[in-house]
Amino acid sequence: MSASNGGGPCGACKFLRRKCINGCVFAPYFDSDQGTAHFAAVHKVFGASNASKLLLRIPAHKRLDAVVTLCYEAESRIRDPVYGCVGHIFTLQQQVVNLQAELAFVQARLATLHRLPPPHSQSPSPTNHHSSSDLGSTSDLQSNSNSAMHFDPLHPHPIPTELTSFLNSLDGDLEAGTVQVLAREIISRYLPGVRFRPSSPN
């Protein structure tokens, strides 16, 4: 809203189709372009005479606020004939209440998160570490494997030195009947992993 252009009527006088005189109370606030539509709403709701009397009773430095209020209330009443600007104000108040409730919920949520204990450090991965029992069982398996290799009759076994000496001392002094008995005794003593097959009948 601004003063009317020089020489032309203001928006109020243009709407009322009258000559805009010098000192028109509407001229500083309703221009000839957009002021006509605003004054049409004010005239429809309040009337031009009532709006003029109201502005004349208000000090000049407060008239602009009064004109803005009149236009707002008049346009709101046209959009909502029952509640007018009160309906719009009520809607804004409801938005404020909803935003305040949402803000309180977010603040309570943040306070709850601040009270939570810090997360614990991650436990070591079981694939990277082995327990002593696992290591013990692994060593037992390796020991058993080595033992099986040691007593496997399919693998040749080194003859102990004491066995060689014992056999050399008996060379030429044994009879054929006692050779097998002596061989069994020697092998069972020095080569416990070897198993004898039963002798075939003659």
N, C-alpha and C. Protein backbone atom coordinates (compact mmCIF):
# COMPACT_ATOMS: atom_id res chain seq x y z
N MET A 1 0.84 -1.19 0.00
CA MET A 1 0.00 0.00 0.00
C MET A 1 0.88 1.24 0.00
N SER A 2 0.55 2.14 -0.83
CA SER A 2 1.31 3.39 -0.93
C SER A 2 0.39 4.50 -1.39
N ALA A 3 0.91 5.69 -1.42
CA ALA A 3 0.11 6.84 -1.83
C ALA A 3 -0.22 6.76 -3.30
N SER A 4 -1.30 7.34 -3.66
CA SER A 4 -1.73 7.31 -5.05
C SER A 4 -0.80 8.13 -5.91
N ASN A 5 -0.76 7.75 -7.17
CA ASN A 5 0.09 8.49 -8.09
C ASN A 5 -0.44 9.91 -8.26
N GLY A 6 0.47 10.80 -8.54
CA GLY A 6 0.06 12.20 -8.67
C GLY A 6 -0.92 12.42 -9.81
N GLY A 7 -2.02 13.06 -9.54
CA GLY A 7 -3.02 13.38 -10.56
C GLY A 7 -4.12 12.36 -10.66
N GLY A 8 -3.88 11.03 -10.29
CA GLY A 8 -4.90 10.01 -10.41
C GLY A 8 -5.58 9.75 -9.08
N PRO A 9 -6.76 9.17 -9.10
CA PRO A 9 -7.47 8.87 -7.86
C PRO A 9 -6.81 7.70 -7.14
N CYS A 10 -7.00 7.61 -5.84
CA CYS A 10 -6.49 6.48 -5.06
C CYS A 10 -7.35 5.26 -5.34
N GLY A 11 -6.94 4.13 -4.81
CA GLY A 11 -7.67 2.90 -5.06
C GLY A 11 -9.06 2.92 -4.46
N ALA A 12 -9.21 3.55 -3.29
CA ALA A 12 -10.53 3.60 -2.67
C ALA A 12 -11.49 4.46 -3.48
N CYS A 13 -11.01 5.66 -3.87
CA CYS A 13 -11.87 6.53 -4.66
C CYS A 13 -12.13 5.96 -6.04
N LYS A 14 -11.14 5.22 -6.58
CA LYS A 14 -11.36 4.58 -7.88
C LYS A 14 -12.44 3.52 -7.77
N PHE A 15 -12.44 2.77 -6.68
CA PHE A 15 -13.46 1.75 -6.48
C PHE A 15 -14.83 2.41 -6.25
N LEU A 16 -14.83 3.49 -5.48
CA LEU A 16 -16.09 4.19 -5.19
C LEU A 16 -16.54 5.10 -6.34
N ARG A 17 -15.66 5.26 -7.36
CA ARG A 17 -15.96 6.08 -8.53
C ARG A 17 -16.31 7.52 -8.14
N ARG A 18 -15.40 8.04 -7.38
CA ARG A 18 -15.56 9.44 -6.98
C ARG A 18 -14.21 10.14 -7.14
N LYS A 19 -14.28 11.44 -7.11
CA LYS A 19 -13.06 12.22 -7.26
C LYS A 19 -12.25 12.18 -5.97
N CYS A 20 -10.96 11.91 -6.10
CA CYS A 20 -10.08 11.84 -4.93
C CYS A 20 -9.64 13.27 -4.58
N ILE A 21 -10.16 13.78 -3.48
CA ILE A 21 -9.87 15.15 -3.07
C ILE A 21 -8.53 15.20 -2.34
N ASN A 22 -8.04 16.39 -2.20
CA ASN A 22 -6.79 16.60 -1.47
C ASN A 22 -7.02 16.30 0.01
N GLY A 23 -6.14 15.48 0.62
CA GLY A 23 -6.30 15.09 2.01
C GLY A 23 -7.21 13.90 2.19
N CYS A 24 -7.41 13.07 1.14
CA CYS A 24 -8.23 11.87 1.26
C CYS A 24 -7.60 10.93 2.27
N VAL A 25 -8.41 10.43 3.19
CA VAL A 25 -7.88 9.58 4.25
C VAL A 25 -7.41 8.23 3.73
N PHE A 26 -7.92 7.81 2.58
CA PHE A 26 -7.51 6.52 2.02
C PHE A 26 -6.32 6.62 1.06
N ALA A 27 -6.05 7.77 0.57
CA ALA A 27 -5.02 7.94 -0.47
C ALA A 27 -3.64 7.45 -0.06
N PRO A 28 -3.13 7.68 1.18
CA PRO A 28 -1.78 7.20 1.52
C PRO A 28 -1.66 5.68 1.60
N TYR A 29 -2.76 4.95 1.64
CA TYR A 29 -2.69 3.51 1.93
C TYR A 29 -3.26 2.62 0.82
N PHE A 30 -4.04 3.17 -0.09
CA PHE A 30 -4.61 2.40 -1.18
C PHE A 30 -4.22 3.07 -2.50
N ASP A 31 -3.26 2.45 -3.20
CA ASP A 31 -2.86 3.03 -4.49
C ASP A 31 -3.88 2.66 -5.55
N SER A 32 -3.66 3.18 -6.73
CA SER A 32 -4.64 2.98 -7.80
C SER A 32 -4.50 1.62 -8.47
N ASP A 33 -3.44 0.86 -8.18
CA ASP A 33 -3.23 -0.45 -8.83
C ASP A 33 -3.79 -1.58 -7.96
N GLN A 34 -3.06 -1.94 -6.94
CA GLN A 34 -3.49 -3.05 -6.08
C GLN A 34 -4.41 -2.59 -4.96
N GLY A 35 -4.44 -1.32 -4.68
CA GLY A 35 -5.27 -0.82 -3.58
C GLY A 35 -6.75 -0.99 -3.83
N THR A 36 -7.13 -1.08 -5.09
CA THR A 36 -8.56 -1.19 -5.40
C THR A 36 -9.13 -2.52 -4.88
N ALA A 37 -8.39 -3.61 -5.11
CA ALA A 37 -8.88 -4.92 -4.66
C ALA A 37 -8.92 -5.00 -3.13
N HIS A 38 -7.91 -4.45 -2.45
CA HIS A 38 -7.91 -4.47 -0.99
C HIS A 38 -9.08 -3.63 -0.43
N PHE A 39 -9.30 -2.47 -1.04
CA PHE A 39 -10.39 -1.63 -0.52
C PHE A 39 -11.74 -2.26 -0.81
N ALA A 40 -11.85 -3.05 -1.87
CA ALA A 40 -13.12 -3.70 -2.18
C ALA A 40 -13.50 -4.66 -1.06
N ALA A 41 -12.51 -5.40 -0.52
CA ALA A 41 -12.80 -6.31 0.60
C ALA A 41 -13.17 -5.53 1.85
N VAL A 42 -12.47 -4.42 2.12
CA VAL A 42 -12.78 -3.61 3.31
C VAL A 42 -14.18 -3.01 3.18
N HIS A 43 -14.51 -2.54 2.01
CA HIS A 43 -15.82 -1.93 1.81
C HIS A 43 -16.93 -2.98 1.94
N LYS A 44 -16.66 -4.21 1.48
CA LYS A 44 -17.69 -5.23 1.54
C LYS A 44 -17.96 -5.66 2.97
N VAL A 45 -16.94 -5.71 3.81
CA VAL A 45 -17.10 -6.21 5.18
C VAL A 45 -17.46 -5.07 6.14
N PHE A 46 -16.72 -3.97 6.09
CA PHE A 46 -16.89 -2.91 7.08
C PHE A 46 -17.67 -1.70 6.54
N GLY A 47 -17.58 -1.50 5.24
CA GLY A 47 -18.20 -0.29 4.68
C GLY A 47 -17.19 0.84 4.60
N ALA A 48 -17.26 1.64 3.55
CA ALA A 48 -16.31 2.74 3.35
C ALA A 48 -16.48 3.81 4.41
N SER A 49 -17.71 4.12 4.80
CA SER A 49 -17.94 5.17 5.81
C SER A 49 -17.39 4.76 7.17
N ASN A 50 -17.60 3.51 7.57
CA ASN A 50 -17.08 3.05 8.87
C ASN A 50 -15.55 3.01 8.87
N ALA A 51 -14.95 2.57 7.76
CA ALA A 51 -13.50 2.54 7.68
C ALA A 51 -12.92 3.95 7.74
N SER A 52 -13.58 4.90 7.08
CA SER A 52 -13.11 6.29 7.11
C SER A 52 -13.19 6.87 8.52
N LYS A 53 -14.28 6.66 9.23
CA LYS A 53 -14.43 7.17 10.60
C LYS A 53 -13.39 6.54 11.54
N LEU A 54 -13.13 5.23 11.34
CA LEU A 54 -12.15 4.56 12.18
C LEU A 54 -10.76 5.15 12.00
N LEU A 55 -10.36 5.39 10.76
CA LEU A 55 -9.03 5.92 10.50
C LEU A 55 -8.89 7.36 11.01
N LEU A 56 -9.96 8.12 10.94
CA LEU A 56 -9.88 9.51 11.40
C LEU A 56 -9.73 9.59 12.92
N ARG A 57 -10.18 8.60 13.66
CA ARG A 57 -10.05 8.60 15.11
C ARG A 57 -8.68 8.09 15.58
N ILE A 58 -7.89 7.53 14.66
CA ILE A 58 -6.58 6.96 15.01
C ILE A 58 -5.50 7.97 14.66
N PRO A 59 -4.45 8.10 15.49
CA PRO A 59 -3.34 9.00 15.15
C PRO A 59 -2.71 8.62 13.82
N ALA A 60 -2.14 9.58 13.15
CA ALA A 60 -1.64 9.38 11.79
C ALA A 60 -0.52 8.32 11.74
N HIS A 61 0.33 8.25 12.81
CA HIS A 61 1.45 7.32 12.76
C HIS A 61 1.01 5.86 13.02
N LYS A 62 -0.27 5.67 13.41
CA LYS A 62 -0.78 4.32 13.62
C LYS A 62 -1.79 3.89 12.57
N ARG A 63 -2.05 4.73 11.62
CA ARG A 63 -3.07 4.42 10.63
C ARG A 63 -2.64 3.30 9.68
N LEU A 64 -1.35 3.21 9.39
CA LEU A 64 -0.90 2.16 8.49
C LEU A 64 -1.17 0.78 9.08
N ASP A 65 -0.88 0.62 10.38
CA ASP A 65 -1.18 -0.65 11.03
C ASP A 65 -2.67 -0.94 11.04
N ALA A 66 -3.47 0.09 11.24
CA ALA A 66 -4.91 -0.10 11.24
C ALA A 66 -5.42 -0.53 9.87
N VAL A 67 -4.87 0.05 8.80
CA VAL A 67 -5.29 -0.32 7.45
C VAL A 67 -4.91 -1.77 7.15
N VAL A 68 -3.69 -2.16 7.56
CA VAL A 68 -3.27 -3.56 7.34
C VAL A 68 -4.20 -4.51 8.07
N THR A 69 -4.58 -4.17 9.31
CA THR A 69 -5.47 -5.01 10.08
C THR A 69 -6.85 -5.09 9.44
N LEU A 70 -7.37 -3.96 8.96
CA LEU A 70 -8.68 -3.97 8.31
C LEU A 70 -8.68 -4.84 7.05
N CYS A 71 -7.62 -4.73 6.26
CA CYS A 71 -7.55 -5.53 5.03
C CYS A 71 -7.45 -7.02 5.35
N TYR A 72 -6.63 -7.35 6.36
CA TYR A 72 -6.46 -8.76 6.72
C TYR A 72 -7.78 -9.34 7.23
N GLU A 73 -8.45 -8.64 8.11
CA GLU A 73 -9.71 -9.14 8.65
C GLU A 73 -10.79 -9.21 7.58
N ALA A 74 -10.81 -8.27 6.69
CA ALA A 74 -11.83 -8.27 5.64
C ALA A 74 -11.61 -9.44 4.68
N GLU A 75 -10.36 -9.69 4.25
CA GLU A 75 -10.10 -10.80 3.33
C GLU A 75 -10.31 -12.15 4.02
N SER A 76 -9.98 -12.26 5.31
CA SER A 76 -10.23 -13.50 6.04
C SER A 76 -11.72 -13.76 6.18
N ARG A 77 -12.50 -12.73 6.41
CA ARG A 77 -13.94 -12.89 6.55
C ARG A 77 -14.59 -13.30 5.22
N ILE A 78 -14.01 -12.84 4.12
CA ILE A 78 -14.55 -13.24 2.82
C ILE A 78 -14.24 -14.72 2.56
N ARG A 79 -13.01 -15.15 2.93
CA ARG A 79 -12.66 -16.56 2.74
C ARG A 79 -13.42 -17.46 3.71
N ASP A 80 -13.61 -17.04 4.94
CA ASP A 80 -14.30 -17.84 5.95
C ASP A 80 -15.34 -16.96 6.63
N PRO A 81 -16.58 -16.95 6.11
CA PRO A 81 -17.59 -16.03 6.65
C PRO A 81 -17.95 -16.32 8.11
N VAL A 82 -17.72 -17.52 8.62
CA VAL A 82 -18.11 -17.86 9.98
C VAL A 82 -17.06 -17.42 10.98
N TYR A 83 -15.81 -17.87 10.78
CA TYR A 83 -14.75 -17.59 11.76
C TYR A 83 -13.86 -16.42 11.35
N GLY A 84 -13.72 -16.17 10.07
CA GLY A 84 -12.88 -15.05 9.64
C GLY A 84 -11.41 -15.29 9.99
N CYS A 85 -10.77 -14.25 10.51
CA CYS A 85 -9.37 -14.35 10.89
C CYS A 85 -9.17 -15.21 12.14
N VAL A 86 -10.25 -15.39 12.93
CA VAL A 86 -10.12 -16.22 14.12
C VAL A 86 -9.80 -17.67 13.75
N GLY A 87 -10.39 -18.18 12.67
CA GLY A 87 -10.08 -19.53 12.23
C GLY A 87 -8.61 -19.68 11.83
N HIS A 88 -8.08 -18.66 11.13
CA HIS A 88 -6.67 -18.70 10.75
C HIS A 88 -5.77 -18.65 11.98
N ILE A 89 -6.13 -17.79 12.94
CA ILE A 89 -5.35 -17.68 14.18
C ILE A 89 -5.38 -19.00 14.95
N PHE A 90 -6.56 -19.63 14.99
CA PHE A 90 -6.68 -20.91 15.70
C PHE A 90 -5.81 -21.98 15.03
N THR A 91 -5.78 -22.00 13.69
CA THR A 91 -4.92 -22.95 12.97
C THR A 91 -3.45 -22.73 13.29
N LEU A 92 -3.03 -21.48 13.35
CA LEU A 92 -1.64 -21.17 13.68
C LEU A 92 -1.31 -21.59 15.12
N GLN A 93 -2.26 -21.37 16.03
CA GLN A 93 -2.04 -21.80 17.41
C GLN A 93 -1.90 -23.31 17.52
N GLN A 94 -2.70 -24.05 16.75
CA GLN A 94 -2.58 -25.51 16.75
C GLN A 94 -1.22 -25.96 16.21
N GLN A 95 -0.73 -25.28 15.20
CA GLN A 95 0.59 -25.60 14.68
C GLN A 95 1.67 -25.35 15.73
N VAL A 96 1.52 -24.28 16.48
CA VAL A 96 2.49 -23.98 17.54
C VAL A 96 2.46 -25.07 18.61
N VAL A 97 1.25 -25.50 19.00
CA VAL A 97 1.13 -26.55 20.02
C VAL A 97 1.76 -27.86 19.53
N ASN A 98 1.50 -28.22 18.27
CA ASN A 98 2.08 -29.45 17.72
C ASN A 98 3.60 -29.38 17.66
N LEU A 99 4.12 -28.24 17.25
CA LEU A 99 5.58 -28.09 17.18
C LEU A 99 6.21 -28.13 18.57
N GLN A 100 5.53 -27.54 19.55
CA GLN A 100 6.06 -27.60 20.92
C GLN A 100 6.07 -29.03 21.45
N ALA A 101 5.03 -29.81 21.15
CA ALA A 101 5.00 -31.22 21.57
C ALA A 101 6.09 -32.02 20.88
N GLU A 102 6.30 -31.76 19.60
CA GLU A 102 7.36 -32.46 18.87
C GLU A 102 8.73 -32.09 19.42
N LEU A 103 8.92 -30.82 19.76
CA LEU A 103 10.19 -30.38 20.32
C LEU A 103 10.44 -31.03 21.68
N ALA A 104 9.40 -31.12 22.51
CA ALA A 104 9.55 -31.77 23.82
C ALA A 104 9.90 -33.24 23.66
N PHE A 105 9.31 -33.92 22.68
CA PHE A 105 9.62 -35.33 22.45
C PHE A 105 11.07 -35.51 22.02
N VAL A 106 11.55 -34.64 21.13
CA VAL A 106 12.93 -34.74 20.66
C VAL A 106 13.91 -34.47 21.81
N GLN A 107 13.60 -33.47 22.64
CA GLN A 107 14.47 -33.18 23.77
C GLN A 107 14.52 -34.34 24.76
N ALA A 108 13.37 -34.97 25.02
CA ALA A 108 13.36 -36.14 25.91
C ALA A 108 14.13 -37.30 25.31
N ARG A 109 14.03 -37.48 24.01
CA ARG A 109 14.78 -38.54 23.35
C ARG A 109 16.28 -38.29 23.45
N LEU A 110 16.70 -37.06 23.25
CA LEU A 110 18.12 -36.73 23.37
C LEU A 110 18.63 -36.95 24.79
N ALA A 111 17.81 -36.57 25.78
CA ALA A 111 18.22 -36.78 27.17
C ALA A 111 18.37 -38.26 27.47
N THR A 112 17.49 -39.10 26.91
CA THR A 112 17.60 -40.54 27.11
C THR A 112 18.86 -41.09 26.48
N LEU A 113 19.19 -40.62 25.30
CA LEU A 113 20.40 -41.10 24.62
C LEU A 113 21.66 -40.68 25.36
N HIS A 114 21.65 -39.50 25.98
CA HIS A 114 22.82 -39.05 26.73
C HIS A 114 23.05 -39.89 27.98
N ARG A 115 21.98 -40.46 28.54
CA ARG A 115 22.11 -41.26 29.76
C ARG A 115 22.53 -42.69 29.48
N LEU A 116 22.52 -43.13 28.22
CA LEU A 116 22.90 -44.50 27.91
C LEU A 116 24.40 -44.69 28.10
N PRO A 117 24.84 -45.89 28.57
CA PRO A 117 26.28 -46.15 28.73
C PRO A 117 26.96 -46.24 27.37
N PRO A 118 28.26 -45.96 27.33
CA PRO A 118 28.97 -46.05 26.04
C PRO A 118 29.03 -47.48 25.57
N PRO A 119 29.09 -47.71 24.27
CA PRO A 119 29.14 -49.08 23.75
C PRO A 119 30.44 -49.76 24.13
N HIS A 120 30.36 -51.09 24.43
CA HIS A 120 31.54 -51.86 24.80
C HIS A 120 32.38 -52.16 23.58
N SER A 121 33.68 -52.39 23.84
CA SER A 121 34.58 -52.73 22.74
C SER A 121 34.25 -54.12 22.24
N GLN A 122 34.49 -54.33 20.97
CA GLN A 122 34.14 -55.60 20.35
C GLN A 122 35.07 -56.69 20.86
N SER A 123 34.50 -57.88 21.11
CA SER A 123 35.28 -59.02 21.56
C SER A 123 36.12 -59.54 20.42
N PRO A 124 37.29 -60.14 20.70
CA PRO A 124 38.15 -60.65 19.62
C PRO A 124 37.46 -61.75 18.85
N SER A 125 37.74 -61.77 17.58
CA SER A 125 37.11 -62.75 16.70
C SER A 125 37.59 -64.15 17.03
N PRO A 126 36.68 -65.12 17.11
CA PRO A 126 37.11 -66.49 17.45
C PRO A 126 37.97 -67.11 16.38
N THR A 127 37.90 -66.56 15.14
CA THR A 127 38.70 -67.15 14.08
C THR A 127 40.15 -66.74 14.16
N ASN A 128 40.47 -65.67 14.88
CA ASN A 128 41.83 -65.19 14.97
C ASN A 128 42.57 -65.72 16.18
N HIS A 129 41.84 -66.22 17.18
CA HIS A 129 42.46 -66.68 18.42
C HIS A 129 41.97 -68.08 18.72
N HIS A 130 42.88 -68.90 19.25
CA HIS A 130 42.55 -70.26 19.62
C HIS A 130 42.82 -70.44 21.10
N SER A 131 41.97 -71.19 21.75
CA SER A 131 42.14 -71.44 23.16
C SER A 131 43.23 -72.47 23.38
N SER A 132 43.69 -72.55 24.65
CA SER A 132 44.74 -73.49 24.98
C SER A 132 44.28 -74.93 24.80
N SER A 133 42.96 -75.18 25.03
CA SER A 133 42.45 -76.53 24.84
C SER A 133 42.52 -76.95 23.38
N ASP A 134 42.22 -75.97 22.45
CA ASP A 134 42.32 -76.28 21.03
C ASP A 134 43.75 -76.59 20.65
N LEU A 135 44.70 -75.79 21.19
CA LEU A 135 46.10 -76.04 20.89
C LEU A 135 46.54 -77.38 21.44
N GLY A 136 46.04 -77.72 22.67
CA GLY A 136 46.40 -78.99 23.25
C GLY A 136 45.89 -80.16 22.44
N SER A 137 44.62 -80.04 21.96
CA SER A 137 44.07 -81.13 21.16
C SER A 137 44.81 -81.27 19.85
N THR A 138 45.23 -80.12 19.27
CA THR A 138 45.99 -80.18 18.02
C THR A 138 47.32 -80.88 18.21
N SER A 139 48.02 -80.55 19.32
CA SER A 139 49.30 -81.20 19.60
C SER A 139 49.11 -82.69 19.87
N ASP A 140 47.99 -83.07 20.51
CA ASP A 140 47.73 -84.49 20.74
C ASP A 140 47.52 -85.23 19.44
N LEU A 141 46.80 -84.57 18.50
CA LEU A 141 46.58 -85.21 17.21
C LEU A 141 47.89 -85.39 16.46
N GLN A 142 48.77 -84.36 16.53
CA GLN A 142 50.06 -84.48 15.88
C GLN A 142 50.89 -85.57 16.53
N SER A 143 50.84 -85.68 17.87
CA SER A 143 51.59 -86.74 18.56
C SER A 143 51.09 -88.11 18.19
N ASN A 144 49.74 -88.25 18.10
CA ASN A 144 49.19 -89.53 17.71
C ASN A 144 49.57 -89.89 16.29
N SER A 145 49.59 -88.87 15.41
CA SER A 145 49.97 -89.11 14.02
C SER A 145 51.42 -89.57 13.93
N ASN A 146 52.29 -88.90 14.73
CA ASN A 146 53.69 -89.30 14.73
C ASN A 146 53.87 -90.72 15.27
N SER A 147 53.07 -91.04 16.31
CA SER A 147 53.15 -92.38 16.87
C SER A 147 52.69 -93.42 15.86
N ALA A 148 51.65 -93.12 15.13
CA ALA A 148 51.18 -94.06 14.12
C ALA A 148 52.22 -94.28 13.04
N MET A 149 52.89 -93.18 12.64
CA MET A 149 53.96 -93.33 11.65
C MET A 149 55.10 -94.15 12.20
N HIS A 150 55.39 -94.02 13.50
CA HIS A 150 56.51 -94.73 14.11
C HIS A 150 56.25 -96.23 14.19
N PHE A 151 55.00 -96.63 14.44
CA PHE A 151 54.67 -98.04 14.60
C PHE A 151 54.05 -98.65 13.36
N ASP A 152 54.05 -97.92 12.26
CA ASP A 152 53.46 -98.45 11.04
C ASP A 152 54.37 -99.53 10.49
N PRO A 153 53.94 -100.79 10.34
CA PRO A 153 54.81 -101.87 9.87
C PRO A 153 55.20 -101.73 8.41
N LEU A 154 54.46 -100.88 7.67
CA LEU A 154 54.79 -100.72 6.26
C LEU A 154 56.01 -99.84 6.05
N HIS A 155 56.37 -99.03 7.06
CA HIS A 155 57.54 -98.17 6.96
C HIS A 155 58.73 -98.89 7.57
N PRO A 156 59.87 -98.83 6.97
CA PRO A 156 61.05 -99.51 7.53
C PRO A 156 61.50 -98.82 8.80
N HIS A 157 61.91 -99.58 9.78
CA HIS A 157 62.38 -99.06 11.05
C HIS A 157 63.88 -99.26 11.15
N PRO A 158 64.59 -98.28 11.64
CA PRO A 158 66.03 -98.46 11.80
C PRO A 158 66.31 -99.47 12.91
N ILE A 159 67.28 -100.36 12.68
CA ILE A 159 67.62 -101.40 13.66
C ILE A 159 68.52 -100.80 14.71
N PRO A 160 68.17 -100.92 15.96
CA PRO A 160 69.00 -100.36 17.02
C PRO A 160 70.37 -101.01 17.05
N THR A 161 71.35 -100.26 17.54
CA THR A 161 72.74 -100.76 17.60
C THR A 161 72.87 -101.93 18.55
N GLU A 162 72.16 -101.87 19.70
CA GLU A 162 72.25 -102.98 20.65
C GLU A 162 71.67 -104.26 20.10
N LEU A 163 70.63 -104.13 19.20
CA LEU A 163 70.08 -105.32 18.56
C LEU A 163 71.08 -105.93 17.60
N THR A 164 71.80 -105.11 16.86
CA THR A 164 72.81 -105.61 15.92
C THR A 164 73.93 -106.34 16.65
N SER A 165 74.37 -105.77 17.74
CA SER A 165 75.43 -106.42 18.53
C SER A 165 74.98 -107.75 19.08
N PHE A 166 73.70 -107.79 19.53
CA PHE A 166 73.18 -109.03 20.09
C PHE A 166 73.08 -110.12 19.04
N LEU A 167 72.67 -109.76 17.84
CA LEU A 167 72.55 -110.74 16.76
C LEU A 167 73.91 -111.24 16.31
N ASN A 168 74.91 -110.35 16.28
CA ASN A 168 76.25 -110.77 15.87
C ASN A 168 76.85 -111.77 16.87
N SER A 169 76.55 -111.58 18.14
CA SER A 169 77.08 -112.50 19.16
C SER A 169 76.47 -113.87 19.07
N LEU A 170 75.24 -113.97 18.52
CA LEU A 170 74.56 -115.24 18.40
C LEU A 170 74.75 -115.91 17.06
N ASP A 171 75.45 -115.27 16.14
CA ASP A 171 75.59 -115.80 14.78
C ASP A 171 76.35 -117.11 14.80
N GLY A 172 75.80 -118.16 14.20
CA GLY A 172 76.43 -119.47 14.10
C GLY A 172 76.18 -120.37 15.26
N ASP A 173 75.57 -119.93 16.34
CA ASP A 173 75.36 -120.75 17.52
C ASP A 173 73.92 -121.19 17.69
N LEU A 174 73.01 -120.77 16.77
CA LEU A 174 71.59 -121.05 16.92
C LEU A 174 71.18 -122.20 16.05
N GLU A 175 70.26 -123.00 16.56
CA GLU A 175 69.68 -124.06 15.78
C GLU A 175 68.46 -123.55 15.04
N ALA A 176 68.04 -124.32 14.06
CA ALA A 176 66.90 -123.88 13.26
C ALA A 176 65.64 -123.80 14.07
N GLY A 177 65.46 -124.65 15.08
CA GLY A 177 64.22 -124.65 15.85
C GLY A 177 64.06 -123.48 16.76
N THR A 178 65.15 -122.94 17.20
CA THR A 178 65.08 -121.82 18.15
C THR A 178 65.19 -120.46 17.48
N VAL A 179 65.41 -120.44 16.18
CA VAL A 179 65.57 -119.13 15.49
C VAL A 179 64.27 -118.35 15.49
N GLN A 180 63.17 -119.02 15.19
CA GLN A 180 61.89 -118.32 15.14
C GLN A 180 61.47 -117.80 16.51
N VAL A 181 61.69 -118.58 17.56
CA VAL A 181 61.35 -118.14 18.91
C VAL A 181 62.18 -116.93 19.30
N LEU A 182 63.45 -116.99 19.00
CA LEU A 182 64.34 -115.87 19.33
C LEU A 182 63.99 -114.63 18.51
N ALA A 183 63.61 -114.84 17.25
CA ALA A 183 63.24 -113.70 16.41
C ALA A 183 61.99 -113.00 16.94
N ARG A 184 61.02 -113.80 17.36
CA ARG A 184 59.80 -113.22 17.92
C ARG A 184 60.11 -112.40 19.17
N GLU A 185 60.97 -112.95 20.01
CA GLU A 185 61.31 -112.24 21.25
C GLU A 185 62.04 -110.93 20.97
N ILE A 186 62.96 -110.99 20.03
CA ILE A 186 63.73 -109.77 19.70
C ILE A 186 62.84 -108.70 19.08
N ILE A 187 61.99 -109.12 18.14
CA ILE A 187 61.13 -108.14 17.46
C ILE A 187 60.10 -107.56 18.41
N SER A 188 59.53 -108.40 19.28
CA SER A 188 58.56 -107.87 20.24
C SER A 188 59.20 -106.93 21.23
N ARG A 189 60.51 -107.10 21.49
CA ARG A 189 61.19 -106.22 22.44
C ARG A 189 61.62 -104.91 21.79
N TYR A 190 62.13 -104.98 20.57
CA TYR A 190 62.70 -103.78 19.95
C TYR A 190 61.79 -103.16 18.89
N LEU A 191 60.87 -103.93 18.37
CA LEU A 191 59.94 -103.41 17.35
C LEU A 191 58.51 -103.74 17.77
N PRO A 192 58.00 -103.03 18.73
CA PRO A 192 56.66 -103.40 19.24
C PRO A 192 55.54 -103.14 18.26
N GLY A 193 55.75 -102.37 17.24
CA GLY A 193 54.68 -102.10 16.28
C GLY A 193 54.47 -103.17 15.26
N VAL A 194 55.34 -104.15 15.20
CA VAL A 194 55.24 -105.21 14.19
C VAL A 194 54.34 -106.31 14.71
N ARG A 195 53.43 -106.79 13.89
CA ARG A 195 52.54 -107.88 14.23
C ARG A 195 52.88 -109.12 13.39
N PHE A 196 52.88 -110.28 14.05
CA PHE A 196 53.22 -111.51 13.36
C PHE A 196 51.96 -112.14 12.80
N ARG A 197 52.12 -112.74 11.65
CA ARG A 197 51.05 -113.54 11.09
C ARG A 197 51.21 -114.98 11.55
N PRO A 198 50.16 -115.69 11.74
CA PRO A 198 50.28 -117.09 12.16
C PRO A 198 51.01 -117.89 11.09
N SER A 199 51.90 -118.78 11.54
CA SER A 199 52.69 -119.59 10.61
C SER A 199 51.81 -120.58 9.88
N SER A 200 52.10 -120.76 8.60
CA SER A 200 51.32 -121.71 7.83
C SER A 200 51.69 -123.13 8.19
N PRO A 201 50.77 -124.04 8.18
CA PRO A 201 51.07 -125.42 8.55
C PRO A 201 51.96 -126.08 7.51
N ASN A 202 52.90 -126.97 7.95
CA ASN A 202 53.83 -127.63 7.05
C ASN A 202 53.09 -128.70 6.24
